[in-house]
Amino acid sequence: MDIGKLLQYGLANHIQILELYPEEWLQASWSGEPGDFAEESHALLAQVCDEMHATATVTDETWARVRERYDDAQIVEIVFMVGYYHLVSYVARMFELAPEPWAATPPAR
């Protein structure tokens, strides 16, 4: 799955805030591939997003890695945020919402 495309509306509209992050992080966010993230924690979150999008759950292996890294409150927040952005992407696509005029566009691949 391509998280960059799934979240294109939200990511494009929030890129000004995201510019606080290193360029590598922004590029990996656009690509959506877990392996593109330099930090293991960011790659794990991308993996969670991919699995939740595809199956509405995560594998036992991914769940074990999440449990090792995050406490219960953080896990609840992760699940809610993935679900929230999934909903936003559905709404944006269903109603063909265009990014704001000032929104960023993803880099060409």
C-alpha atoms as a PDB file:
ATOM      1  CA  MET A   1       0.000   0.000   0.000  1.00  0.00           C
ATOM      2  CA  ASP A   2       1.121   3.521  -0.668  1.00  0.00           C
ATOM      3  CA  ILE A   3       0.538   5.596   2.461  1.00  0.00           C
ATOM      4  CA  GLY A   4       1.587   8.702   0.562  1.00  0.00           C
ATOM      5  CA  LYS A   5      -1.351   8.249  -1.818  1.00  0.00           C
ATOM      6  CA  LEU A   6      -3.750   7.138   0.889  1.00  0.00           C
ATOM      7  CA  LEU A   7      -3.000  10.204   2.965  1.00  0.00           C
ATOM      8  CA  GLN A   8      -2.181  12.542   0.092  1.00  0.00           C
ATOM      9  CA  TYR A   9      -4.896  15.042   1.000  1.00  0.00           C
ATOM     10  CA  GLY A  10      -3.929  15.249   4.660  1.00  0.00           C
ATOM     11  CA  LEU A  11      -0.209  15.112   4.058  1.00  0.00           C
ATOM     12  CA  ALA A  12      -0.326  17.742   1.329  1.00  0.00           C
ATOM     13  CA  ASN A  13      -2.356  20.060   3.507  1.00  0.00           C
ATOM     14  CA  HIS A  14      -0.076  19.624   6.518  1.00  0.00           C
ATOM     15  CA  ILE A  15       3.315  19.655   4.800  1.00  0.00           C
ATOM     16  CA  GLN A  16       4.105  23.137   6.094  1.00  0.00           C
ATOM     17  CA  ILE A  17       3.990  21.718   9.616  1.00  0.00           C
ATOM     18  CA  LEU A  18       5.907  18.635   8.493  1.00  0.00           C
ATOM     19  CA  GLU A  19       8.722  20.794   7.159  1.00  0.00           C
ATOM     20  CA  LEU A  20       9.957  20.797  10.746  1.00  0.00           C
ATOM     21  CA  TYR A  21      11.080  17.228  10.077  1.00  0.00           C
ATOM     22  CA  PRO A  22      14.219  16.169   8.182  1.00  0.00           C
ATOM     23  CA  GLU A  23      13.950  15.851   4.411  1.00  0.00           C
ATOM     24  CA  GLU A  24      14.514  12.063   4.556  1.00  0.00           C
ATOM     25  CA  TRP A  25      11.476  11.698   6.810  1.00  0.00           C
ATOM     26  CA  LEU A  26       9.320  13.743   4.447  1.00  0.00           C
ATOM     27  CA  GLN A  27      10.434  11.704   1.417  1.00  0.00           C
ATOM     28  CA  ALA A  28       9.738   8.445   3.248  1.00  0.00           C
ATOM     29  CA  SER A  29       6.320   9.768   4.285  1.00  0.00           C
ATOM     30  CA  TRP A  30       5.434  10.487   0.674  1.00  0.00           C
ATOM     31  CA  SER A  31       6.609   7.057  -0.482  1.00  0.00           C
ATOM     32  CA  GLY A  32       4.840   5.215   2.313  1.00  0.00           C
ATOM     33  CA  GLU A  33       7.270   2.309   2.305  1.00  0.00           C
ATOM     34  CA  PRO A  34       8.319   1.194   5.806  1.00  0.00           C
ATOM     35  CA  GLY A  35      11.829   0.444   4.565  1.00  0.00           C
ATOM     36  CA  ASP A  36      12.294   4.063   3.466  1.00  0.00           C
ATOM     37  CA  PHE A  37      12.323   5.354   7.045  1.00  0.00           C
ATOM     38  CA  ALA A  38      15.723   5.694   8.672  1.00  0.00           C
ATOM     39  CA  GLU A  39      14.336   5.358  12.188  1.00  0.00           C
ATOM     40  CA  GLU A  40      13.034   1.955  13.191  1.00  0.00           C
ATOM     41  CA  SER A  41      10.159   3.494  15.156  1.00  0.00           C
ATOM     42  CA  HIS A  42       8.916   5.358  12.076  1.00  0.00           C
ATOM     43  CA  ALA A  43       9.227   2.225   9.937  1.00  0.00           C
ATOM     44  CA  LEU A  44       7.209   0.316  12.525  1.00  0.00           C
ATOM     45  CA  LEU A  45       4.441   2.919  12.446  1.00  0.00           C
ATOM     46  CA  ALA A  46       4.366   2.746   8.636  1.00  0.00           C
ATOM     47  CA  GLN A  47       4.128  -1.052   8.902  1.00  0.00           C
ATOM     48  CA  VAL A  48       1.204  -0.727  11.333  1.00  0.00           C
ATOM     49  CA  CYS A  49      -0.534   1.649   8.899  1.00  0.00           C
ATOM     50  CA  ASP A  50      -0.017  -0.724   5.974  1.00  0.00           C
ATOM     51  CA  GLU A  51      -1.299  -3.757   7.853  1.00  0.00           C
ATOM     52  CA  MET A  52      -4.280  -1.974   9.386  1.00  0.00           C
ATOM     53  CA  HIS A  53      -5.252  -0.571   5.997  1.00  0.00           C
ATOM     54  CA  ALA A  54      -5.012  -3.969   4.306  1.00  0.00           C
ATOM     55  CA  THR A  55      -6.581  -6.161   7.003  1.00  0.00           C
ATOM     56  CA  ALA A  56      -7.986  -3.925   9.775  1.00  0.00           C
ATOM     57  CA  THR A  57      -5.486  -5.558  12.146  1.00  0.00           C
ATOM     58  CA  VAL A  58      -1.771  -6.322  12.399  1.00  0.00           C
ATOM     59  CA  THR A  59       0.192  -9.550  12.360  1.00  0.00           C
ATOM     60  CA  ASP A  60       1.301 -11.171  15.603  1.00  0.00           C
ATOM     61  CA  GLU A  61       4.896 -10.219  14.763  1.00  0.00           C
ATOM     62  CA  THR A  62       4.031  -6.558  14.253  1.00  0.00           C
ATOM     63  CA  TRP A  63       1.871  -6.553  17.395  1.00  0.00           C
ATOM     64  CA  ALA A  64       4.776  -7.936  19.440  1.00  0.00           C
ATOM     65  CA  ARG A  65       7.079  -5.203  18.105  1.00  0.00           C
ATOM     66  CA  VAL A  66       4.468  -2.522  18.898  1.00  0.00           C
ATOM     67  CA  ARG A  67       4.016  -3.882  22.453  1.00  0.00           C
ATOM     68  CA  GLU A  68       7.791  -3.790  23.004  1.00  0.00           C
ATOM     69  CA  ARG A  69       8.073  -0.154  21.956  1.00  0.00           C
ATOM     70  CA  TYR A  70       4.872   1.583  23.089  1.00  0.00           C
ATOM     71  CA  ASP A  71       2.788   1.664  26.259  1.00  0.00           C
ATOM     72  CA  ASP A  72      -0.966   1.006  26.299  1.00  0.00           C
ATOM     73  CA  ALA A  73      -1.978   4.660  25.965  1.00  0.00           C
ATOM     74  CA  GLN A  74       0.366   5.153  22.992  1.00  0.00           C
ATOM     75  CA  ILE A  75      -0.983   2.035  21.276  1.00  0.00           C
ATOM     76  CA  VAL A  76      -4.554   3.261  21.675  1.00  0.00           C
ATOM     77  CA  GLU A  77      -3.528   6.598  20.175  1.00  0.00           C
ATOM     78  CA  ILE A  78      -1.761   4.896  17.245  1.00  0.00           C
ATOM     79  CA  VAL A  79      -4.823   2.786  16.434  1.00  0.00           C
ATOM     80  CA  PHE A  80      -7.136   5.790  16.667  1.00  0.00           C
ATOM     81  CA  MET A  81      -4.877   7.956  14.503  1.00  0.00           C
ATOM     82  CA  VAL A  82      -4.531   5.292  11.805  1.00  0.00           C
ATOM     83  CA  GLY A  83      -8.300   4.863  11.803  1.00  0.00           C
ATOM     84  CA  TYR A  84      -8.888   8.614  11.746  1.00  0.00           C
ATOM     85  CA  TYR A  85      -6.609   9.209   8.764  1.00  0.00           C
ATOM     86  CA  HIS A  86      -8.114   6.206   7.023  1.00  0.00           C
ATOM     87  CA  LEU A  87     -11.522   7.868   7.420  1.00  0.00           C
ATOM     88  CA  VAL A  88     -10.173  11.230   6.216  1.00  0.00           C
ATOM     89  CA  SER A  89      -8.691   9.588   3.125  1.00  0.00           C
ATOM     90  CA  TYR A  90     -12.002   7.885   2.319  1.00  0.00           C
ATOM     91  CA  VAL A  91     -13.909  11.151   2.674  1.00  0.00           C
ATOM     92  CA  ALA A  92     -11.348  13.069   0.603  1.00  0.00           C
ATOM     93  CA  ARG A  93     -11.446  10.496  -2.175  1.00  0.00           C
ATOM     94  CA  MET A  94     -15.205   9.935  -2.106  1.00  0.00           C
ATOM     95  CA  PHE A  95     -15.956  13.634  -2.404  1.00  0.00           C
ATOM     96  CA  GLU A  96     -12.918  14.251  -4.632  1.00  0.00           C
ATOM     97  CA  LEU A  97     -11.610  16.959  -2.330  1.00  0.00           C
ATOM     98  CA  ALA A  98      -8.822  18.956  -3.877  1.00  0.00           C
ATOM     99  CA  PRO A  99      -5.910  19.964  -1.676  1.00  0.00           C
ATOM    100  CA  GLU A 100      -5.898  23.569  -0.544  1.00  0.00           C
ATOM    101  CA  PRO A 101      -4.297  25.967  -3.051  1.00  0.00           C
ATOM    102  CA  TRP A 102      -1.213  26.252  -0.816  1.00  0.00           C
ATOM    103  CA  ALA A 103      -0.872  22.488  -0.299  1.00  0.00           C
ATOM    104  CA  ALA A 104       2.278  20.658  -1.333  1.00  0.00           C
ATOM    105  CA  THR A 105       2.347  18.051  -4.080  1.00  0.00           C
ATOM    106  CA  PRO A 106       4.173  14.763  -3.735  1.00  0.00           C
ATOM    107  CA  PRO A 107       7.542  14.517  -5.465  1.00  0.00           C
ATOM    108  CA  ALA A 108       7.713  12.618  -8.754  1.00  0.00           C
ATOM    109  CA  ARG A 109       8.928   9.074  -8.360  1.00  0.00           C
END
